[in-house]
Amino acid sequence: QVQLVESGGGLVQAGGSLRLSCAASGRTFSSYAMGWFRQAPGKEREFVATINWSGGSTYYASSVKGRFTISRGNAKNTVYLQMNSLKPEDTAIYYCAAGPQTQTAWHFYDYWGQGTQVTVSS
């Protein structure tokens, strides 16, 4: 069992940066791949980024590649999402998730956090 708690969301102007954190409980955190997803009002949940158990492999949605960076600190049971050059279209609730493999489809992930709101003003 893994419990996930996101933090770091907020209101930022376009072009600004935010760093999201996802703290995990449970001794097996380091064995899970982690992902970040987002959901804007009236839209479906969207893949953002994923990282494998060791941190050696990452994958990004084309819409965020080059602007966002996913990383993890297994000693701290935490995964991060550094978001730079934010755009109004990045506005959404951001969720972290844990699963057995790096995947872009949300249904492959077993555990989810409650989400953190990111709002980018123009």
Protein backbone atom coordinates (compact mmCIF):
# COMPACT_ATOMS: atom_id res chain seq x y z
CA GLN A 1 0.00 0.00 0.00
CA VAL A 2 1.27 3.44 -0.93
CA GLN A 3 -0.25 6.75 0.12
CA LEU A 4 0.59 9.85 -1.90
CA VAL A 5 0.30 13.51 -0.93
CA GLU A 6 0.98 16.30 -3.43
CA SER A 7 2.05 19.82 -2.56
CA GLY A 8 3.51 22.90 -4.21
CA GLY A 9 0.64 24.04 -6.37
CA GLY A 10 -0.51 27.62 -6.54
CA LEU A 11 -1.09 30.68 -8.69
CA VAL A 12 1.70 31.85 -10.99
CA GLN A 13 1.98 34.21 -13.93
CA ALA A 14 2.67 32.91 -17.41
CA GLY A 15 6.37 32.31 -17.85
CA GLY A 16 6.85 31.52 -14.20
CA SER A 17 7.87 28.33 -12.43
CA LEU A 18 6.51 25.96 -9.81
CA ARG A 19 7.87 22.82 -8.23
CA LEU A 20 5.40 20.14 -7.26
CA SER A 21 6.26 17.49 -4.70
CA CYS A 22 4.61 14.15 -4.03
CA ALA A 23 5.43 12.52 -0.72
CA ALA A 24 4.85 8.79 -0.47
CA SER A 25 4.38 6.59 2.54
CA GLY A 26 5.34 2.94 2.55
CA ARG A 27 8.62 1.07 2.41
CA THR A 28 8.16 -0.04 -1.20
CA PHE A 29 8.18 3.43 -2.78
CA SER A 30 11.48 2.80 -4.54
CA SER A 31 10.04 -0.21 -6.38
CA TYR A 32 7.30 1.84 -8.10
CA ALA A 33 7.31 3.85 -11.26
CA MET A 34 5.79 7.27 -10.68
CA GLY A 35 3.73 9.47 -12.92
CA TRP A 36 2.25 12.95 -13.00
CA PHE A 37 -1.12 13.58 -14.60
CA ARG A 38 -3.32 16.63 -14.81
CA GLN A 39 -6.98 17.38 -15.33
CA ALA A 40 -8.43 20.70 -16.37
CA PRO A 41 -12.13 21.53 -15.89
CA GLY A 42 -14.26 19.78 -18.48
CA LYS A 43 -11.33 17.80 -19.84
CA GLU A 44 -10.10 14.26 -19.45
CA ARG A 45 -7.17 13.33 -17.25
CA GLU A 46 -3.97 13.91 -19.21
CA PHE A 47 -0.54 12.31 -18.93
CA VAL A 48 2.28 14.71 -18.08
CA ALA A 49 5.42 12.76 -17.17
CA THR A 50 6.64 9.46 -15.79
CA ILE A 51 9.82 8.14 -14.19
CA ASN A 52 10.98 4.61 -13.54
CA TRP A 53 11.88 3.16 -10.15
CA SER A 54 15.54 4.18 -10.27
CA GLY A 55 15.05 7.58 -11.84
CA GLY A 56 17.13 6.56 -14.82
CA SER A 57 14.31 6.66 -17.34
CA THR A 58 11.82 9.45 -17.91
CA TYR A 59 9.17 10.23 -20.50
CA TYR A 60 7.15 13.38 -21.12
CA ALA A 61 4.05 14.47 -22.93
CA SER A 62 4.95 16.51 -25.99
CA SER A 63 3.08 19.49 -24.56
CA VAL A 64 5.48 19.78 -21.61
CA LYS A 65 8.73 18.35 -22.95
CA GLY A 66 11.55 20.81 -22.52
CA ARG A 67 9.64 22.80 -19.90
CA PHE A 68 8.89 20.22 -17.18
CA THR A 69 11.30 17.88 -15.40
CA ILE A 70 10.33 14.86 -13.33
CA SER A 71 12.73 13.52 -10.72
CA ARG A 72 12.65 11.40 -7.61
CA GLY A 73 14.47 11.03 -4.34
CA ASN A 74 14.00 7.50 -3.11
CA ALA A 75 15.72 8.25 0.17
CA LYS A 76 13.04 10.85 0.83
CA ASN A 77 10.19 8.87 -0.72
CA THR A 78 9.41 11.87 -2.88
CA VAL A 79 8.84 12.56 -6.56
CA TYR A 80 9.06 16.06 -7.99
CA LEU A 81 7.79 17.93 -11.01
CA GLN A 82 9.72 21.08 -11.85
CA MET A 83 7.59 23.23 -14.13
CA ASN A 84 9.18 26.12 -15.99
CA SER A 85 7.90 28.51 -18.65
CA LEU A 86 4.36 27.90 -17.49
CA LYS A 87 1.49 28.69 -19.83
CA PRO A 88 -2.19 29.36 -19.11
CA GLU A 89 -3.02 26.03 -20.74
CA ASP A 90 -1.03 24.28 -17.99
CA THR A 91 -3.78 25.25 -15.55
CA ALA A 92 -5.19 22.07 -14.02
CA ILE A 93 -5.26 19.88 -10.96
CA TYR A 94 -2.04 17.89 -10.92
CA TYR A 95 -1.98 14.34 -9.56
CA CYS A 96 0.88 12.01 -8.82
CA ALA A 97 0.46 8.27 -9.17
CA ALA A 98 2.39 5.08 -8.46
CA GLY A 99 2.39 1.95 -10.59
CA PRO A 100 4.45 -1.07 -11.57
CA GLN A 101 5.83 0.38 -14.80
CA THR A 102 6.26 3.70 -16.56
CA GLN A 103 3.08 4.18 -18.53
CA THR A 104 1.27 7.07 -20.15
CA ALA A 105 -2.24 5.68 -19.58
CA TRP A 106 -3.71 6.53 -16.18
CA HIS A 107 -5.41 3.18 -15.64
CA PHE A 108 -2.04 1.42 -15.30
CA TYR A 109 -1.38 3.25 -12.03
CA ASP A 110 -2.51 1.72 -8.75
CA TYR A 111 -2.22 4.58 -6.27
CA TRP A 112 -3.15 8.24 -6.56
CA GLY A 113 -2.78 11.40 -4.55
CA GLN A 114 -5.55 13.90 -3.90
CA GLY A 115 -4.17 16.45 -6.35
CA THR A 116 -2.84 19.99 -6.14
CA GLN A 117 -4.19 22.97 -8.08
CA VAL A 118 -1.95 24.84 -10.49
CA THR A 119 -3.28 28.06 -11.97
CA VAL A 120 -1.34 30.04 -14.56
CA SER A 121 -2.56 33.55 -15.27
CA SER A 122 -1.97 35.29 -18.58
